[in-house]
Amino acid sequence: MNRHLWKSQLCEMVQPSGGPAADQDVLGEESPLGKPAMLHLPSEQGAPETLQRCLEENQELRDAIRQSNQILRERCEELLHFQASQREEKEFLMCKFQEARKLVERLGLEKLDLKRQKEQALREVEHLKRCQQVVGAGPGSENPR
């Protein structure tokens, strides 16, 4: 879309709606922005003043749109920064969570291994006790007193 066409559409958007100015008599009504609507006089009674007021209102509306757009851009930028920081925080937390999960899994495996080693050591102790009893209770064993 070329700039001239876009600009003319913008001008149409901010111009008062309705029929020609000569057909409108608005007294005391409010515009959508909460400002009193301009008094539209028939063209032969106040065309230059009406045109000037329309141009001033048009400029005010354009300024209001520019200000609103600037505020929206700033809020959008703030939102983008917030979203980026949230993504970074989520990635950091996920990384820490994965590290914690791996640590828990490794410690669980170590615990099982230590439990097996303990059970094996207890079996060896029991075996040594039985061997000691057999050797101590055999023929020729004397009780040293």
C-alpha atoms as a PDB file:
ATOM      1  CA  MET A   1       0.000   0.000   0.000  1.00  0.00           C
ATOM      2  CA  ASN A   2       1.536   3.295  -0.964  1.00  0.00           C
ATOM      3  CA  ARG A   3       2.002   6.102   1.521  1.00  0.00           C
ATOM      4  CA  HIS A   4      -0.544   8.451  -0.057  1.00  0.00           C
ATOM      5  CA  LEU A   5      -3.329   5.857   0.004  1.00  0.00           C
ATOM      6  CA  TRP A   6      -2.502   4.916   3.597  1.00  0.00           C
ATOM      7  CA  LYS A   7      -2.441   8.578   4.630  1.00  0.00           C
ATOM      8  CA  SER A   8      -5.792   9.273   2.989  1.00  0.00           C
ATOM      9  CA  GLN A   9      -7.303   6.259   4.776  1.00  0.00           C
ATOM     10  CA  LEU A  10      -5.916   7.537   8.050  1.00  0.00           C
ATOM     11  CA  CYS A  11      -7.431  10.939   7.406  1.00  0.00           C
ATOM     12  CA  GLU A  12     -10.774   9.309   6.689  1.00  0.00           C
ATOM     13  CA  MET A  13     -10.555   7.373   9.942  1.00  0.00           C
ATOM     14  CA  VAL A  14     -10.065  10.470  12.065  1.00  0.00           C
ATOM     15  CA  GLN A  15     -12.519  12.710  10.252  1.00  0.00           C
ATOM     16  CA  PRO A  16     -15.961  13.187  11.794  1.00  0.00           C
ATOM     17  CA  SER A  17     -18.447  10.744  10.343  1.00  0.00           C
ATOM     18  CA  GLY A  18     -21.829  11.563   8.900  1.00  0.00           C
ATOM     19  CA  GLY A  19     -22.990  13.612   5.960  1.00  0.00           C
ATOM     20  CA  PRO A  20     -21.721  16.966   4.774  1.00  0.00           C
ATOM     21  CA  ALA A  21     -21.184  19.691   7.335  1.00  0.00           C
ATOM     22  CA  ALA A  22     -24.144  21.675   6.007  1.00  0.00           C
ATOM     23  CA  ASP A  23     -26.491  18.809   6.947  1.00  0.00           C
ATOM     24  CA  GLN A  24     -25.295  18.510  10.559  1.00  0.00           C
ATOM     25  CA  ASP A  25     -26.250  20.608  13.531  1.00  0.00           C
ATOM     26  CA  VAL A  26     -24.615  19.157  16.648  1.00  0.00           C
ATOM     27  CA  LEU A  27     -24.988  21.052  19.890  1.00  0.00           C
ATOM     28  CA  GLY A  28     -23.659  19.775  23.219  1.00  0.00           C
ATOM     29  CA  GLU A  29     -23.049  16.179  22.112  1.00  0.00           C
ATOM     30  CA  GLU A  30     -19.839  14.449  23.094  1.00  0.00           C
ATOM     31  CA  SER A  31     -17.372  12.855  20.708  1.00  0.00           C
ATOM     32  CA  PRO A  32     -16.027   9.321  21.322  1.00  0.00           C
ATOM     33  CA  LEU A  33     -12.987  10.814  23.070  1.00  0.00           C
ATOM     34  CA  GLY A  34     -15.157  12.545  25.664  1.00  0.00           C
ATOM     35  CA  LYS A  35     -14.647  16.045  24.279  1.00  0.00           C
ATOM     36  CA  PRO A  36     -17.649  18.102  23.236  1.00  0.00           C
ATOM     37  CA  ALA A  37     -18.366  17.589  19.560  1.00  0.00           C
ATOM     38  CA  MET A  38     -17.779  20.574  17.340  1.00  0.00           C
ATOM     39  CA  LEU A  39     -20.644  22.769  16.290  1.00  0.00           C
ATOM     40  CA  HIS A  40     -21.187  22.308  12.568  1.00  0.00           C
ATOM     41  CA  LEU A  41     -22.649  25.360  10.897  1.00  0.00           C
ATOM     42  CA  PRO A  42     -24.063  25.484   7.423  1.00  0.00           C
ATOM     43  CA  SER A  43     -21.306  26.205   4.924  1.00  0.00           C
ATOM     44  CA  GLU A  44     -22.403  29.771   4.131  1.00  0.00           C
ATOM     45  CA  GLN A  45     -22.362  30.856   7.816  1.00  0.00           C
ATOM     46  CA  GLY A  46     -18.910  29.762   9.040  1.00  0.00           C
ATOM     47  CA  ALA A  47     -16.956  27.691   6.570  1.00  0.00           C
ATOM     48  CA  PRO A  48     -13.470  29.070   7.410  1.00  0.00           C
ATOM     49  CA  GLU A  49     -14.041  28.817  11.182  1.00  0.00           C
ATOM     50  CA  THR A  50     -15.575  25.367  10.883  1.00  0.00           C
ATOM     51  CA  LEU A  51     -12.773  24.209   8.651  1.00  0.00           C
ATOM     52  CA  GLN A  52     -10.213  25.578  11.082  1.00  0.00           C
ATOM     53  CA  ARG A  53     -11.896  23.839  14.019  1.00  0.00           C
ATOM     54  CA  CYS A  54     -12.051  20.603  12.034  1.00  0.00           C
ATOM     55  CA  LEU A  55      -8.366  20.883  11.246  1.00  0.00           C
ATOM     56  CA  GLU A  56      -7.564  21.578  14.900  1.00  0.00           C
ATOM     57  CA  GLU A  57      -9.679  18.648  16.065  1.00  0.00           C
ATOM     58  CA  ASN A  58      -8.071  16.479  13.418  1.00  0.00           C
ATOM     59  CA  GLN A  59      -4.617  17.471  14.690  1.00  0.00           C
ATOM     60  CA  GLU A  60      -5.672  16.776  18.280  1.00  0.00           C
ATOM     61  CA  LEU A  61      -6.927  13.341  17.269  1.00  0.00           C
ATOM     62  CA  ARG A  62      -3.705  12.606  15.395  1.00  0.00           C
ATOM     63  CA  ASP A  63      -1.677  13.683  18.428  1.00  0.00           C
ATOM     64  CA  ALA A  64      -3.825  11.462  20.666  1.00  0.00           C
ATOM     65  CA  ILE A  65      -3.308   8.519  18.290  1.00  0.00           C
ATOM     66  CA  ARG A  66       0.465   9.126  18.208  1.00  0.00           C
ATOM     67  CA  GLN A  67       0.570   9.293  21.993  1.00  0.00           C
ATOM     68  CA  SER A  68      -1.508   6.108  22.328  1.00  0.00           C
ATOM     69  CA  ASN A  69       0.709   4.336  19.804  1.00  0.00           C
ATOM     70  CA  GLN A  70       3.842   5.412  21.662  1.00  0.00           C
ATOM     71  CA  ILE A  71       2.426   4.165  24.959  1.00  0.00           C
ATOM     72  CA  LEU A  72       1.423   0.874  23.306  1.00  0.00           C
ATOM     73  CA  ARG A  73       4.919   0.489  21.825  1.00  0.00           C
ATOM     74  CA  GLU A  74       6.460   1.062  25.254  1.00  0.00           C
ATOM     75  CA  ARG A  75       4.123  -1.452  26.885  1.00  0.00           C
ATOM     76  CA  CYS A  76       4.819  -3.950  24.120  1.00  0.00           C
ATOM     77  CA  GLU A  77       8.562  -3.503  24.645  1.00  0.00           C
ATOM     78  CA  GLU A  78       8.115  -4.011  28.395  1.00  0.00           C
ATOM     79  CA  LEU A  79       6.086  -7.142  27.738  1.00  0.00           C
ATOM     80  CA  LEU A  80       8.732  -8.512  25.368  1.00  0.00           C
ATOM     81  CA  HIS A  81      11.455  -7.915  27.963  1.00  0.00           C
ATOM     82  CA  PHE A  82       9.314  -9.557  30.639  1.00  0.00           C
ATOM     83  CA  GLN A  83       8.646 -12.579  28.414  1.00  0.00           C
ATOM     84  CA  ALA A  84      12.347 -12.910  27.618  1.00  0.00           C
ATOM     85  CA  SER A  85      13.261 -12.812  31.306  1.00  0.00           C
ATOM     86  CA  GLN A  86      10.562 -15.384  32.058  1.00  0.00           C
ATOM     87  CA  ARG A  87      11.952 -17.682  29.335  1.00  0.00           C
ATOM     88  CA  GLU A  88      15.463 -17.326  30.743  1.00  0.00           C
ATOM     89  CA  GLU A  89      14.243 -18.047  34.252  1.00  0.00           C
ATOM     90  CA  LYS A  90      12.279 -21.083  33.036  1.00  0.00           C
ATOM     91  CA  GLU A  91      15.333 -22.436  31.187  1.00  0.00           C
ATOM     92  CA  PHE A  92      17.493 -21.899  34.280  1.00  0.00           C
ATOM     93  CA  LEU A  93      14.975 -23.667  36.529  1.00  0.00           C
ATOM     94  CA  MET A  94      14.565 -26.547  34.064  1.00  0.00           C
ATOM     95  CA  CYS A  95      18.350 -26.959  33.956  1.00  0.00           C
ATOM     96  CA  LYS A  96      18.535 -27.019  37.759  1.00  0.00           C
ATOM     97  CA  PHE A  97      15.617 -29.450  37.890  1.00  0.00           C
ATOM     98  CA  GLN A  98      17.359 -31.803  35.451  1.00  0.00           C
ATOM     99  CA  GLU A  99      20.565 -31.596  37.498  1.00  0.00           C
ATOM    100  CA  ALA A 100      18.619 -32.388  40.672  1.00  0.00           C
ATOM    101  CA  ARG A 101      16.838 -35.288  38.975  1.00  0.00           C
ATOM    102  CA  LYS A 102      20.144 -36.780  37.786  1.00  0.00           C
ATOM    103  CA  LEU A 103      21.616 -36.372  41.260  1.00  0.00           C
ATOM    104  CA  VAL A 104      18.627 -38.111  42.880  1.00  0.00           C
ATOM    105  CA  GLU A 105      18.875 -40.958  40.356  1.00  0.00           C
ATOM    106  CA  ARG A 106      22.635 -41.307  40.932  1.00  0.00           C
ATOM    107  CA  LEU A 107      22.193 -41.268  44.717  1.00  0.00           C
ATOM    108  CA  GLY A 108      19.409 -43.858  44.430  1.00  0.00           C
ATOM    109  CA  LEU A 109      21.714 -46.150  42.444  1.00  0.00           C
ATOM    110  CA  GLU A 110      24.529 -45.596  44.969  1.00  0.00           C
ATOM    111  CA  LYS A 111      22.123 -46.429  47.784  1.00  0.00           C
ATOM    112  CA  LEU A 112      21.131 -49.702  46.097  1.00  0.00           C
ATOM    113  CA  ASP A 113      24.786 -50.548  45.491  1.00  0.00           C
ATOM    114  CA  LEU A 114      25.685 -49.827  49.120  1.00  0.00           C
ATOM    115  CA  LYS A 115      22.726 -51.910  50.292  1.00  0.00           C
ATOM    116  CA  ARG A 116      23.951 -54.857  48.171  1.00  0.00           C
ATOM    117  CA  GLN A 117      27.481 -54.408  49.512  1.00  0.00           C
ATOM    118  CA  LYS A 118      26.131 -54.382  53.076  1.00  0.00           C
ATOM    119  CA  GLU A 119      24.105 -57.556  52.491  1.00  0.00           C
ATOM    120  CA  GLN A 120      27.166 -59.244  50.929  1.00  0.00           C
ATOM    121  CA  ALA A 121      29.338 -58.177  53.880  1.00  0.00           C
ATOM    122  CA  LEU A 122      26.747 -59.528  56.355  1.00  0.00           C
ATOM    123  CA  ARG A 123      26.669 -62.852  54.491  1.00  0.00           C
ATOM    124  CA  GLU A 124      30.482 -63.019  54.598  1.00  0.00           C
ATOM    125  CA  VAL A 125      30.463 -62.261  58.344  1.00  0.00           C
ATOM    126  CA  GLU A 126      27.891 -65.007  58.921  1.00  0.00           C
ATOM    127  CA  HIS A 127      29.974 -67.401  56.819  1.00  0.00           C
ATOM    128  CA  LEU A 128      33.127 -66.545  58.806  1.00  0.00           C
ATOM    129  CA  LYS A 129      31.245 -67.056  62.092  1.00  0.00           C
ATOM    130  CA  ARG A 130      30.065 -70.488  60.977  1.00  0.00           C
ATOM    131  CA  CYS A 131      33.565 -71.422  59.847  1.00  0.00           C
ATOM    132  CA  GLN A 132      34.963 -70.272  63.175  1.00  0.00           C
ATOM    133  CA  GLN A 133      32.371 -72.327  65.058  1.00  0.00           C
ATOM    134  CA  VAL A 134      33.146 -75.424  62.976  1.00  0.00           C
ATOM    135  CA  VAL A 135      36.866 -75.036  63.551  1.00  0.00           C
ATOM    136  CA  GLY A 136      36.377 -74.358  67.253  1.00  0.00           C
ATOM    137  CA  ALA A 137      34.015 -77.308  67.783  1.00  0.00           C
ATOM    138  CA  GLY A 138      36.040 -79.874  65.829  1.00  0.00           C
ATOM    139  CA  PRO A 139      37.866 -82.957  67.361  1.00  0.00           C
ATOM    140  CA  GLY A 140      41.070 -81.962  69.000  1.00  0.00           C
ATOM    141  CA  SER A 141      39.964 -78.539  69.904  1.00  0.00           C
ATOM    142  CA  GLU A 142      40.949 -77.732  73.355  1.00  0.00           C
ATOM    143  CA  ASN A 143      39.597 -75.192  75.631  1.00  0.00           C
ATOM    144  CA  PRO A 144      42.487 -73.049  76.835  1.00  0.00           C
ATOM    145  CA  ARG A 145      42.093 -72.328  80.525  1.00  0.00           C
END
